[in-house]
Structures are given as structure tokens and as C-alpha cells.
Amino acid sequence: MKRLRLFLSSMAGRLFVILLLGMSVAAMGATLVATAKRQQDLDRQILVRLADRLQGYVNLLDNNPELRERLLQAGGPNVRLAPEEVRVGTADAALTAVLAQRSGPVSSAQVHAANFRACVPRLPDIVPRTDEQMQRRRMRQRDPAFAPPGCRLVELRLGDGTPLRLVMETPAVARDSAQAFDPLFLSLLGLAIAVLAYVVARMASAPLQRLASAAAQLGQDLQRDPLPVSGPLEVRRAAEAFNAMQKRLQRHLGERTQMLAAITHDLQTPVTRLRLRLENVADEALRERLIADLAAMQALIREGLELARSSESAEKPAPLDLDSLLESIVEDAAESGAEVEFEQGCGEVLLLRPLAMHRLFSNLVDNAVQYGHSARVSAQSHGGTVVVRIRDRGPGLAPDELEAVFDPFLRLETSRSRETGGAGLGLTIARALAEKDGARLWLENHPEGGLVAVVEWSQPPRAGGNRG
């Protein structure tokens, strides 16, 4: 049910419903109109056949005066002499108009509806009807798909002026107007319309889905391939506008990175001169503080450049054994004297950027060691999701600080020491690296104390195997 609601809330779902309803109403309307037209043609054919029979019989009477009495007694095909008492109904304008177009005496005939008993002898006088037969007849008369036989009174004058009153029986007709509401017919029609509406809706929404997917990938990789310019005019225009926007973003980011690189390069010489001159400061305490501030300035410039480069990196993904990468990072940290342990592996081989992932997890492990005095690294794979957790033994963070620490240049550690406070860009760079490889990075407090950095791939780009 949830998937159905999600589908109906999408562009494809709404187009599907609109097309399904619109095409169903149009198809049913066209079917009813076609059925009515077919029935009208059938009624017209019946009238023409009745007129042919009547004209043939009347011409026979008109051309053979000596046989007229015998012919009237014998009657014609569904035509006979009218009895003296006939209950006359409304005028039959349709048959009268058809007869008016004929030649001979029938052209002046007047036709009225008559009681059916006037056309045939009363059946009870010949064969008595049972109650069951009467019930079947009443049900057949109420059936909308069955038109019962009728009777018409025709009044005309023969060529010699003799008035003539005839009754003409109209045969029963099985009408097919009810077929438009046949359950099997409606089911097949609805199925065909539903399939067609679904295909058309998917085709119409496919360009929007491609554009949405390209926009999501653009947030992870600004250097992705341009969107193909194909399809209808509106789709091509949207793709061209999207590609133009991507080029502008690439140019803007490139200019920013070049600017930071130029600043970093141009500052190296004066910073080096400042450091040499600071060595000549006589006051040792002042000299140490000035040198520390200068080192912090250099680190800030370097990390700012790394942040810019993290969004512009052109490194290509390659099969990466995630457990081997984490183990090597843990071993490097342990060799430097840190309390670091690799607790669990996931056995996954993913398509990731090796250097970027090394920077990401090294940064998180360094943060855990620096602020939590230890790091416990584990990786898990379950339900198609790969999760890496790095836990420390520190005091943790307040709930409102778990997201704020990812803001650039925000340092919750209030000291100005480079060894304790940092530049405030480490987690910002780490999140940028993670998002570019399709992962999410967040922090959470562990129930038993300490902070946990979580990197999760909900749809990991697997390389087709694992360490097994």
C-alpha cells in the first residue's frame, strides 16, 4: 500500500491516473456511440425490408383486381387484412417517410402503431398458453437486449381508389446494445487502457527521472559526464540548461580552488620569512606563541585548500577492499602510539576513490584519538547496506552539537592550541569526501559513553565480489 501511495504521488502515477480515466471515458463513450449508430443502421434496414414486403404485396393487389379478394384472404409475408376493430397507437413517422420515397400506392400510406393482437390470431384460441410460457414471454419483453415483435396499421388507397387497411407484423429483434457493458469486454478494454496508460506515463516521466538522477549525482561528483541532449524539444532544452549550469559550477569551483592555491603559494614566502625572523625574538615565551600562531595560520590555509580540492577531485573510483583499508589505517595509528583497534570487518569490495577514502577514515580516526583518546573501528554489511563505525571513549557531544560540528571553521574546543582545537575543517572535509562517494556521515552518542562517527552506504557501489 505504501508503494502504491508513493507511485500515485509521483509524476508517472498522476499521468497514469489521468490517462487511465480519460482514455476509459473516451473509449466507453466511443463504444456507446458506435453501438447506437449500429443499432440505428439496423433499425433502418428493418424498415427498408418492411417497406419492400409491403410494397410488393400492395403492388400485387393493385395489379391483379380479379385476385384481390383471394390475396387479401391469404395475406402476404407478415402482412394481412386488418380486422374491423384495431386499437391504433401513435403514428410511425419513420416507416411513413420510407414509404413516401417509394412509387405506387404505398407512397401515400399512413402508418400507425397497433395492438399486436391485430396482426395474428389470438394464440389462446389455437394453443392455450401455460403460466410458465407467459412468464418467459414477460421476461423476454423486459430484456433490454430483446425487442419483442410489433404490429403496424397501414392505411392507403390502391390505384383504382379502393381504400385498404392492412396490418403488418414487425419481427422480434435481438439488440446488442448491452454488449458495451459486458464484463469481459470491459475487463479487456480496461486492461488494454491501463497497460497503454502506464507505458505512456513511464515514457513521459522518464526524462524527469533522468534529470533528477543527474542532479543527485551532480551533488556527489561535479565532474560527472554531461547529461545526454536527446528526446523532445522541452527535454533537450532542460538537458542543455542543466549542462550549462554544471559548466558554470565547475568553472566557479575551479576559480575558487585556483584562488586558494595561489594564495597558499604566495603566502609561503612571507610566512617563511616571518618564521625566520621570529627565531630572532629574544623573549622565548613570546617567540613560542608567535610561532604557534604562524603554524596555525599555515594549517588553516592548507586545510582550506584541501576542502576546495575535496569537491573538485578527479580521482576515479576503483575496486577497494574496505577491510584492508581500515586495517592499514588502524595499524598506522597504532604504530604512532595511539590506542586504536580494528574490531570487525564486513568483507566487502566497493568501487570507491582509494585516496579520498584513506583521507576520510584517517581524519575520523585522528579525531577519535585526539578528542576521545582511543578509537574502535568496525565495519558491517547487512540488508544491502555497508556501515563503518569509529567509536571513541570521550565525553561525547550535546544533541544540538552533533550536526553543528560539520560547519566550516566551527571548533567546540575553545582553546587556541593547534594540538587541541584544530582549524575546524576536519569534519567538513570528511563529510564532503563521504558524500562524493555516495555515503552519509553523521555523529551519534554511544549509549555506554563516547562518540561514534558513522559512515553509511545505503546503496554501496559493489565491485562484484568480496574477500569471502
Protein backbone atom coordinates (compact mmCIF):
# COMPACT_ATOMS: atom_id res chain seq x y z
CA MET A 1 0.00 0.00 0.00
CA LYS A 2 2.88 2.35 0.77
CA ARG A 3 4.45 1.70 -2.64
CA LEU A 4 1.09 2.41 -4.30
CA ARG A 5 0.76 5.76 -2.50
CA LEU A 6 4.34 6.59 -3.45
CA PHE A 7 3.64 5.74 -7.09
CA LEU A 8 0.43 7.81 -7.19
CA SER A 9 2.26 10.80 -5.68
CA SER A 10 4.85 10.71 -8.47
CA MET A 11 4.57 12.36 -11.88
CA ALA A 12 4.29 8.94 -13.56
CA GLY A 13 1.49 7.91 -11.19
CA ARG A 14 -0.52 11.08 -11.77
CA LEU A 15 -0.12 10.82 -15.53
CA PHE A 16 -1.18 7.17 -15.29
CA VAL A 17 -4.39 8.05 -13.42
CA ILE A 18 -5.23 10.93 -15.79
CA LEU A 19 -4.63 8.83 -18.89
CA LEU A 20 -6.48 5.84 -17.43
CA LEU A 21 -9.59 7.85 -16.57
CA GLY A 22 -9.53 9.96 -19.72
CA MET A 23 -8.96 7.07 -22.10
CA SER A 24 -11.54 4.91 -20.31
CA VAL A 25 -14.23 7.59 -20.57
CA ALA A 26 -13.33 8.26 -24.21
CA ALA A 27 -13.32 4.55 -25.09
CA MET A 28 -16.64 3.90 -23.36
CA GLY A 29 -18.19 6.97 -24.99
CA ALA A 30 -16.94 5.92 -28.43
CA THR A 31 -18.24 2.38 -27.84
CA LEU A 32 -21.69 3.64 -26.87
CA VAL A 33 -21.83 5.99 -29.86
CA ALA A 34 -20.74 3.20 -32.21
CA THR A 35 -23.31 0.84 -30.71
CA ALA A 36 -26.07 3.42 -31.08
CA LYS A 37 -25.07 4.08 -34.67
CA ARG A 38 -25.00 0.37 -35.45
CA GLN A 39 -28.44 -0.07 -33.89
CA GLN A 40 -29.73 2.89 -35.87
CA ASP A 41 -28.48 1.31 -39.08
CA LEU A 42 -30.08 -1.99 -38.10
CA ASP A 43 -33.43 -0.29 -37.48
CA ARG A 44 -33.12 1.43 -40.83
CA GLN A 45 -32.52 -1.87 -42.58
CA ILE A 46 -35.53 -3.40 -40.84
CA LEU A 47 -37.72 -0.52 -42.03
CA VAL A 48 -36.43 -0.93 -45.58
CA ARG A 49 -37.21 -4.65 -45.56
CA LEU A 50 -40.69 -3.97 -44.17
CA ALA A 51 -41.28 -1.38 -46.87
CA ASP A 52 -40.13 -3.84 -49.54
CA ARG A 53 -42.53 -6.51 -48.31
CA LEU A 54 -45.42 -4.09 -48.06
CA GLN A 55 -44.77 -2.59 -51.48
CA GLY A 56 -44.55 -5.99 -53.12
CA TYR A 57 -47.83 -7.14 -51.57
CA VAL A 58 -49.67 -3.88 -52.35
CA ASN A 59 -48.43 -3.87 -55.96
CA LEU A 60 -49.64 -7.43 -56.32
CA LEU A 61 -53.06 -6.39 -55.07
CA ASP A 62 -53.12 -3.31 -57.26
CA ASN A 63 -52.12 -5.14 -60.43
CA ASN A 64 -54.46 -8.12 -60.00
CA PRO A 65 -58.02 -6.87 -59.21
CA GLU A 66 -59.52 -10.23 -60.04
CA LEU A 67 -57.33 -11.98 -57.46
CA ARG A 68 -57.52 -9.24 -54.86
CA GLU A 69 -60.05 -10.92 -52.59
CA ARG A 70 -58.19 -14.23 -52.57
CA LEU A 71 -54.88 -12.43 -51.95
CA LEU A 72 -56.38 -10.50 -49.05
CA GLN A 73 -57.70 -13.67 -47.51
CA ALA A 74 -54.37 -15.45 -47.96
CA GLY A 75 -52.27 -12.50 -46.79
CA GLY A 76 -48.67 -11.76 -47.61
CA PRO A 77 -45.33 -12.14 -45.81
CA ASN A 78 -46.18 -10.77 -42.34
CA VAL A 79 -48.97 -8.69 -43.93
CA ARG A 80 -52.71 -9.35 -43.86
CA LEU A 81 -56.03 -7.57 -43.96
CA ALA A 82 -56.70 -5.58 -40.81
CA PRO A 83 -59.60 -6.70 -38.60
CA GLU A 84 -62.57 -4.38 -38.13
CA GLU A 85 -61.56 -3.35 -34.64
CA VAL A 86 -57.93 -2.27 -34.26
CA ARG A 87 -56.56 -0.31 -31.34
CA VAL A 88 -54.50 2.38 -33.04
CA GLY A 89 -51.48 3.98 -31.41
CA THR A 90 -49.06 6.69 -32.34
CA ALA A 91 -48.09 7.42 -35.94
CA ASP A 92 -44.95 5.68 -37.23
CA ALA A 93 -43.19 8.62 -38.90
CA ALA A 94 -40.05 6.63 -39.71
CA LEU A 95 -41.79 3.94 -41.79
CA THR A 96 -44.14 6.52 -43.32
CA ALA A 97 -41.11 8.52 -44.52
CA VAL A 98 -39.54 5.41 -46.05
CA LEU A 99 -42.78 4.55 -47.89
CA ALA A 100 -43.15 8.12 -49.13
CA GLN A 101 -39.96 7.66 -51.14
CA ARG A 102 -41.40 4.63 -52.95
CA SER A 103 -43.58 4.59 -56.08
CA GLY A 104 -47.08 3.31 -56.35
CA PRO A 105 -49.92 3.28 -53.83
CA VAL A 106 -47.62 2.86 -50.82
CA SER A 107 -46.22 6.38 -51.32
CA SER A 108 -49.37 7.86 -49.75
CA ALA A 109 -49.71 5.29 -46.98
CA GLN A 110 -50.17 6.32 -43.35
CA VAL A 111 -48.67 4.03 -40.71
CA HIS A 112 -49.61 3.81 -37.04
CA ALA A 113 -48.67 1.50 -34.23
CA ALA A 114 -51.32 -1.08 -33.47
CA ASN A 115 -52.11 -3.70 -30.92
CA PHE A 116 -50.10 -6.87 -31.63
CA ARG A 117 -53.28 -8.98 -31.46
CA ALA A 118 -54.41 -7.30 -34.67
CA CYS A 119 -51.55 -8.93 -36.58
CA VAL A 120 -52.03 -12.54 -35.54
CA PRO A 121 -54.92 -14.62 -34.31
CA ARG A 122 -55.25 -14.83 -30.59
CA LEU A 123 -52.99 -17.65 -29.52
CA PRO A 124 -55.18 -18.92 -26.68
CA ASP A 125 -57.83 -19.70 -29.32
CA ILE A 126 -55.38 -22.05 -31.04
CA VAL A 127 -52.94 -23.34 -28.43
CA PRO A 128 -53.57 -22.48 -24.81
CA ARG A 129 -50.50 -20.97 -23.11
CA THR A 130 -49.26 -22.20 -19.80
CA ASP A 131 -48.26 -19.89 -16.93
CA GLU A 132 -44.59 -20.80 -17.49
CA GLN A 133 -44.79 -19.74 -21.15
CA MET A 134 -46.46 -16.46 -20.18
CA GLN A 135 -43.75 -15.82 -17.58
CA ARG A 136 -40.96 -16.45 -20.13
CA ARG A 137 -42.65 -14.07 -22.57
CA ARG A 138 -42.90 -11.30 -19.96
CA MET A 139 -39.21 -11.76 -19.02
CA ARG A 140 -38.21 -11.67 -22.70
CA GLN A 141 -40.17 -8.46 -23.18
CA ARG A 142 -38.37 -6.87 -20.21
CA ASP A 143 -34.95 -7.91 -21.54
CA PRO A 144 -33.20 -4.74 -22.88
CA ALA A 145 -31.31 -6.91 -25.40
CA PHE A 146 -34.56 -8.21 -26.94
CA ALA A 147 -37.05 -6.14 -28.95
CA PRO A 148 -40.40 -8.02 -28.98
CA PRO A 149 -42.46 -8.29 -32.19
CA GLY A 150 -44.70 -5.36 -33.02
CA CYS A 151 -47.69 -4.56 -35.18
CA ARG A 152 -48.41 -1.63 -37.53
CA LEU A 153 -51.62 -0.47 -39.15
CA VAL A 154 -51.18 0.73 -42.75
CA GLU A 155 -53.93 2.78 -44.42
CA LEU A 156 -53.69 3.51 -48.14
CA ARG A 157 -55.64 3.66 -51.42
CA LEU A 158 -54.97 1.41 -54.38
CA GLY A 159 -54.62 2.73 -57.90
CA ASP A 160 -58.36 2.42 -58.59
CA GLY A 161 -59.21 4.38 -55.42
CA THR A 162 -60.10 1.37 -53.27
CA PRO A 163 -59.28 2.08 -49.59
CA LEU A 164 -57.22 -0.58 -47.91
CA ARG A 165 -56.34 -1.22 -44.28
CA LEU A 166 -53.55 -3.69 -43.62
CA VAL A 167 -51.75 -4.82 -40.52
CA MET A 168 -48.06 -5.66 -40.75
CA GLU A 169 -46.11 -7.63 -38.18
CA THR A 170 -42.62 -6.45 -37.19
CA PRO A 171 -40.38 -9.39 -36.30
CA ALA A 172 -38.62 -9.63 -32.97
CA VAL A 173 -35.07 -8.26 -32.93
CA ALA A 174 -32.18 -9.25 -30.65
CA ARG A 175 -30.41 -5.96 -29.91
CA ASP A 176 -26.68 -5.92 -28.98
CA SER A 177 -26.56 -2.57 -27.18
CA ALA A 178 -25.92 -4.37 -23.91
CA GLN A 179 -22.62 -5.70 -25.22
CA ALA A 180 -20.98 -2.36 -24.39
CA PHE A 181 -21.40 -3.23 -20.72
CA ASP A 182 -20.34 -6.85 -20.99
CA PRO A 183 -17.97 -7.65 -18.05
CA LEU A 184 -15.46 -9.49 -20.22
CA PHE A 185 -15.44 -6.68 -22.77
CA LEU A 186 -14.98 -4.06 -20.05
CA SER A 187 -12.19 -6.07 -18.41
CA LEU A 188 -10.23 -6.44 -21.64
CA LEU A 189 -10.77 -2.78 -22.52
CA GLY A 190 -9.69 -1.63 -19.05
CA LEU A 191 -6.60 -3.84 -19.11
CA ALA A 192 -5.54 -2.56 -22.52
CA ILE A 193 -6.07 1.05 -21.47
CA ALA A 194 -4.20 0.52 -18.18
CA VAL A 195 -1.17 -1.02 -19.93
CA LEU A 196 -1.10 1.76 -22.52
CA ALA A 197 -1.52 4.48 -19.87
CA TYR A 198 1.28 3.01 -17.75
CA VAL A 199 3.67 2.79 -20.71
CA VAL A 200 2.89 6.36 -21.79
CA ALA A 201 3.22 7.67 -18.22
CA ARG A 202 6.59 6.00 -17.77
CA MET A 203 7.80 7.34 -21.11
CA ALA A 204 6.64 10.86 -20.23
CA SER A 205 8.24 10.83 -16.76
CA ALA A 206 11.50 9.13 -17.79
CA PRO A 207 13.22 12.43 -18.77
CA LEU A 208 12.30 13.94 -15.40
CA GLN A 209 13.69 10.90 -13.60
CA ARG A 210 16.93 11.13 -15.58
CA LEU A 211 17.18 14.82 -14.76
CA ALA A 212 16.57 14.17 -11.04
CA SER A 213 19.17 11.38 -11.03
CA ALA A 214 21.69 13.63 -12.78
CA ALA A 215 21.04 16.41 -10.26
CA ALA A 216 21.61 13.99 -7.35
CA GLN A 217 24.85 12.72 -8.92
CA LEU A 218 25.98 16.28 -9.56
CA GLY A 219 25.93 16.92 -5.82
CA GLN A 220 28.34 14.00 -5.35
CA ASP A 221 30.54 14.46 -8.41
CA LEU A 222 30.72 17.83 -10.12
CA GLN A 223 32.97 16.33 -12.82
CA ARG A 224 30.35 13.77 -13.94
CA ASP A 225 29.63 13.38 -17.65
CA PRO A 226 27.16 15.90 -19.12
CA LEU A 227 23.52 14.90 -19.47
CA PRO A 228 22.76 13.50 -22.96
CA VAL A 229 20.84 16.03 -25.07
CA SER A 230 18.11 13.92 -26.68
CA GLY A 231 14.36 13.48 -26.74
CA PRO A 232 11.58 16.04 -27.29
CA LEU A 233 12.34 19.76 -27.60
CA GLU A 234 11.47 20.57 -23.99
CA VAL A 235 13.64 17.72 -22.69
CA ARG A 236 16.58 18.82 -24.84
CA ARG A 237 16.25 22.37 -23.56
CA ALA A 238 16.21 21.16 -19.95
CA ALA A 239 19.30 18.99 -20.57
CA GLU A 240 21.13 21.89 -22.22
CA ALA A 241 20.27 24.19 -19.30
CA PHE A 242 21.44 21.54 -16.82
CA ASN A 243 24.74 21.04 -18.65
CA ALA A 244 25.27 24.80 -18.80
CA MET A 245 24.68 25.03 -15.06
CA GLN A 246 27.18 22.20 -14.46
CA LYS A 247 29.82 24.00 -16.52
CA ARG A 248 29.26 27.23 -14.58
CA LEU A 249 29.62 25.38 -11.27
CA GLN A 250 32.78 23.65 -12.48
CA ARG A 251 34.22 26.99 -13.60
CA HIS A 252 33.27 28.67 -10.31
CA LEU A 253 34.78 25.88 -8.20
CA GLY A 254 37.89 25.78 -10.37
CA GLU A 255 38.35 29.52 -9.95
CA ARG A 256 37.93 29.21 -6.18
CA THR A 257 40.45 26.38 -5.98
CA GLN A 258 42.91 28.27 -8.15
CA MET A 259 42.48 31.33 -5.99
CA LEU A 260 43.15 29.37 -2.79
CA ALA A 261 46.11 27.64 -4.39
CA ALA A 262 47.52 30.98 -5.49
CA ILE A 263 47.01 32.45 -2.02
CA THR A 264 48.68 29.43 -0.46
CA HIS A 265 51.60 29.64 -2.86
CA ASP A 266 52.04 33.41 -2.49
CA LEU A 267 51.87 33.21 1.31
CA GLN A 268 54.60 30.59 1.56
CA THR A 269 57.43 33.07 1.04
CA PRO A 270 56.31 35.77 3.51
CA VAL A 271 55.32 33.13 6.10
CA THR A 272 58.76 31.54 5.77
CA ARG A 273 60.41 34.96 6.22
CA LEU A 274 58.24 35.62 9.25
CA ARG A 275 59.23 32.30 10.78
CA LEU A 276 62.94 33.06 10.26
CA ARG A 277 62.56 36.48 11.83
CA LEU A 278 60.62 35.07 14.74
CA GLU A 279 63.58 32.87 15.56
CA ASN A 280 65.45 36.07 16.47
CA VAL A 281 62.88 37.20 19.03
CA ALA A 282 64.67 37.34 22.38
CA ASP A 283 61.63 36.65 24.57
CA GLU A 284 61.31 32.86 24.47
CA ALA A 285 57.68 32.76 25.63
CA LEU A 286 56.64 35.36 23.09
CA ARG A 287 58.58 33.55 20.38
CA GLU A 288 56.79 30.26 21.07
CA ARG A 289 53.36 31.91 20.96
CA LEU A 290 54.12 33.71 17.72
CA ILE A 291 55.48 30.55 16.10
CA ALA A 292 52.34 28.63 17.21
CA ASP A 293 50.08 31.29 15.70
CA LEU A 294 52.07 31.15 12.47
CA ALA A 295 51.76 27.35 12.37
CA ALA A 296 48.00 27.64 12.90
CA MET A 297 47.84 30.11 10.01
CA GLN A 298 49.68 27.69 7.74
CA ALA A 299 47.43 24.79 8.79
CA LEU A 300 44.30 26.88 8.19
CA ILE A 301 45.43 27.78 4.68
CA ARG A 302 46.37 24.17 3.92
CA GLU A 303 43.05 22.75 5.17
CA GLY A 304 41.09 25.40 3.28
CA LEU A 305 42.83 24.29 0.12
CA GLU A 306 42.09 20.64 0.93
CA LEU A 307 38.40 21.48 1.43
CA ALA A 308 38.23 23.08 -2.01
CA ARG A 309 40.09 20.21 -3.62
CA SER A 310 37.86 17.61 -1.93
CA SER A 311 34.90 18.78 -4.06
CA GLU A 312 36.93 19.05 -7.25
CA SER A 313 38.97 15.85 -7.09
CA ALA A 314 39.09 13.99 -10.40
CA GLU A 315 40.17 10.70 -8.79
CA LYS A 316 38.38 7.76 -10.42
CA PRO A 317 36.66 5.01 -8.40
CA ALA A 318 38.43 1.65 -8.26
CA PRO A 319 37.75 -1.69 -6.52
CA LEU A 320 38.68 -1.15 -2.88
CA ASP A 321 38.88 -3.78 -0.14
CA LEU A 322 37.26 -1.80 2.66
CA ASP A 323 38.57 -4.04 5.46
CA SER A 324 42.18 -3.82 4.20
CA LEU A 325 41.95 -0.03 4.05
CA LEU A 326 40.62 0.22 7.60
CA GLU A 327 43.20 -2.25 8.91
CA SER A 328 46.06 -0.28 7.36
CA ILE A 329 44.79 2.99 8.87
CA VAL A 330 44.44 1.36 12.29
CA GLU A 331 47.97 -0.11 12.07
CA ASP A 332 49.45 3.27 11.12
CA ALA A 333 47.72 4.94 14.05
CA ALA A 334 48.79 2.19 16.46
CA GLU A 335 52.42 2.50 15.36
CA SER A 336 52.34 6.16 16.30
CA GLY A 337 51.37 5.18 19.86
CA ALA A 338 47.58 5.70 19.68
CA GLU A 339 45.11 3.32 21.31
CA VAL A 340 43.34 2.06 18.17
CA GLU A 341 41.70 -1.30 17.48
CA PHE A 342 40.02 -2.87 14.43
CA GLU A 343 37.16 -4.91 15.88
CA GLN A 344 35.16 -6.27 12.91
CA GLY A 345 35.25 -6.34 9.11
CA CYS A 346 32.48 -6.55 6.52
CA GLY A 347 34.28 -8.44 3.71
CA GLU A 348 33.05 -6.00 1.04
CA VAL A 349 34.91 -4.83 -2.07
CA LEU A 350 33.45 -1.49 -3.20
CA LEU A 351 34.02 0.88 -6.10
CA LEU A 352 35.42 3.90 -4.26
CA ARG A 353 38.16 6.51 -4.60
CA PRO A 354 41.04 4.97 -2.64
CA LEU A 355 42.92 8.19 -1.75
CA ALA A 356 39.73 10.01 -0.77
CA MET A 357 38.60 7.12 1.43
CA HIS A 358 42.02 6.95 3.06
CA ARG A 359 41.78 10.67 3.91
CA LEU A 360 38.21 10.25 5.15
CA PHE A 361 38.84 7.41 7.60
CA SER A 362 42.25 8.73 8.65
CA ASN A 363 40.59 12.01 9.55
CA LEU A 364 37.88 10.27 11.59
CA VAL A 365 40.37 8.02 13.39
CA ASP A 366 42.61 11.00 14.19
CA ASN A 367 39.61 12.91 15.59
CA ALA A 368 38.64 9.93 17.76
CA VAL A 369 42.18 9.60 19.12
CA GLN A 370 42.60 13.34 19.62
CA TYR A 371 39.32 14.04 21.41
CA GLY A 372 38.33 10.61 22.74
CA HIS A 373 41.84 9.22 23.48
CA SER A 374 41.04 5.93 21.66
CA ALA A 375 39.34 4.53 18.59
CA ARG A 376 37.42 1.31 17.92
CA VAL A 377 36.82 0.67 14.21
CA SER A 378 34.23 -1.79 12.87
CA ALA A 379 32.52 -2.42 9.53
CA GLN A 380 29.27 -4.27 8.86
CA SER A 381 27.26 -5.29 5.80
CA HIS A 382 23.60 -6.21 6.16
CA GLY A 383 20.47 -5.79 4.06
CA GLY A 384 22.41 -4.29 1.17
CA THR A 385 23.86 -1.56 3.41
CA VAL A 386 27.52 -1.11 4.38
CA VAL A 387 28.25 0.77 7.61
CA VAL A 388 31.60 1.78 9.14
CA ARG A 389 31.63 2.93 12.79
CA ILE A 390 34.51 4.64 14.58
CA ARG A 391 33.91 4.96 18.33
CA ASP A 392 35.94 6.84 20.91
CA ARG A 393 35.88 6.94 24.71
CA GLY A 394 35.48 10.67 25.05
CA PRO A 395 32.73 12.69 26.73
CA GLY A 396 30.54 12.84 23.62
CA LEU A 397 28.61 15.89 22.43
CA ALA A 398 25.36 17.62 23.26
CA PRO A 399 22.48 16.72 20.90
CA ASP A 400 22.48 20.17 19.28
CA GLU A 401 26.23 19.91 18.62
CA LEU A 402 26.18 16.59 16.71
CA GLU A 403 25.36 18.35 13.43
CA ALA A 404 26.88 21.73 14.16
CA VAL A 405 30.44 20.32 14.25
CA PHE A 406 30.28 19.79 10.48
CA ASP A 407 30.06 23.54 9.84
CA PRO A 408 33.33 25.01 8.48
CA PHE A 409 35.66 26.67 11.00
CA LEU A 410 33.48 25.68 13.96
CA ARG A 411 35.55 24.42 16.88
CA LEU A 412 33.79 23.26 20.02
CA GLU A 413 37.16 23.02 21.78
CA THR A 414 37.68 26.59 22.99
CA SER A 415 41.46 26.64 23.29
CA ARG A 416 43.55 28.30 20.57
CA SER A 417 46.11 25.50 20.60
CA ARG A 418 46.61 23.74 17.28
CA GLU A 419 47.16 20.45 19.06
CA THR A 420 43.77 20.60 20.81
CA GLY A 421 41.49 22.93 18.86
CA GLY A 422 42.42 22.37 15.22
CA ALA A 423 41.30 24.58 12.35
CA GLY A 424 37.65 23.47 12.35
CA LEU A 425 37.66 21.95 8.85
CA GLY A 426 38.42 18.27 9.50
CA LEU A 427 34.82 17.03 9.74
CA THR A 428 33.71 19.36 6.94
CA ILE A 429 36.29 17.82 4.62
CA ALA A 430 35.37 14.31 5.80
CA ARG A 431 31.66 14.82 5.02
CA ALA A 432 32.48 16.26 1.58
CA LEU A 433 34.63 13.21 0.80
CA ALA A 434 31.95 10.81 2.02
CA GLU A 435 29.10 12.43 0.08
CA LYS A 436 31.08 12.46 -3.15
CA ASP A 437 31.31 8.64 -2.93
CA GLY A 438 27.59 8.26 -2.21
CA ALA A 439 27.89 7.81 1.58
CA ARG A 440 26.35 9.60 4.55
CA LEU A 441 28.43 10.74 7.53
CA TRP A 442 26.99 11.64 10.91
CA LEU A 443 27.86 11.56 14.59
CA GLU A 444 25.93 9.97 17.43
CA ASN A 445 26.49 9.43 21.13
CA HIS A 446 27.06 5.84 22.21
CA PRO A 447 24.70 4.59 24.98
CA GLU A 448 27.71 3.46 27.02
CA GLY A 449 29.58 6.72 26.55
CA GLY A 450 31.74 8.19 23.86
CA LEU A 451 31.08 9.45 20.36
CA VAL A 452 30.52 7.33 17.23
CA ALA A 453 31.26 8.52 13.70
CA VAL A 454 29.07 6.58 11.24
CA VAL A 455 29.74 6.29 7.50
CA GLU A 456 26.91 4.50 5.67
CA TRP A 457 26.36 3.43 2.05
CA SER A 458 22.66 2.59 1.66
CA GLN A 459 23.31 1.52 -1.96
CA PRO A 460 27.01 0.65 -1.98
CA PRO A 461 28.77 0.57 -5.37
CA ARG A 462 29.98 -3.01 -5.11
CA ALA A 463 32.83 -4.21 -7.32
CA GLY A 464 31.23 -7.63 -7.87
CA GLY A 465 32.90 -9.62 -5.10
CA ASN A 466 34.18 -9.72 -1.53
CA ARG A 467 37.04 -11.13 0.45
CA GLY A 468 34.84 -14.08 1.43
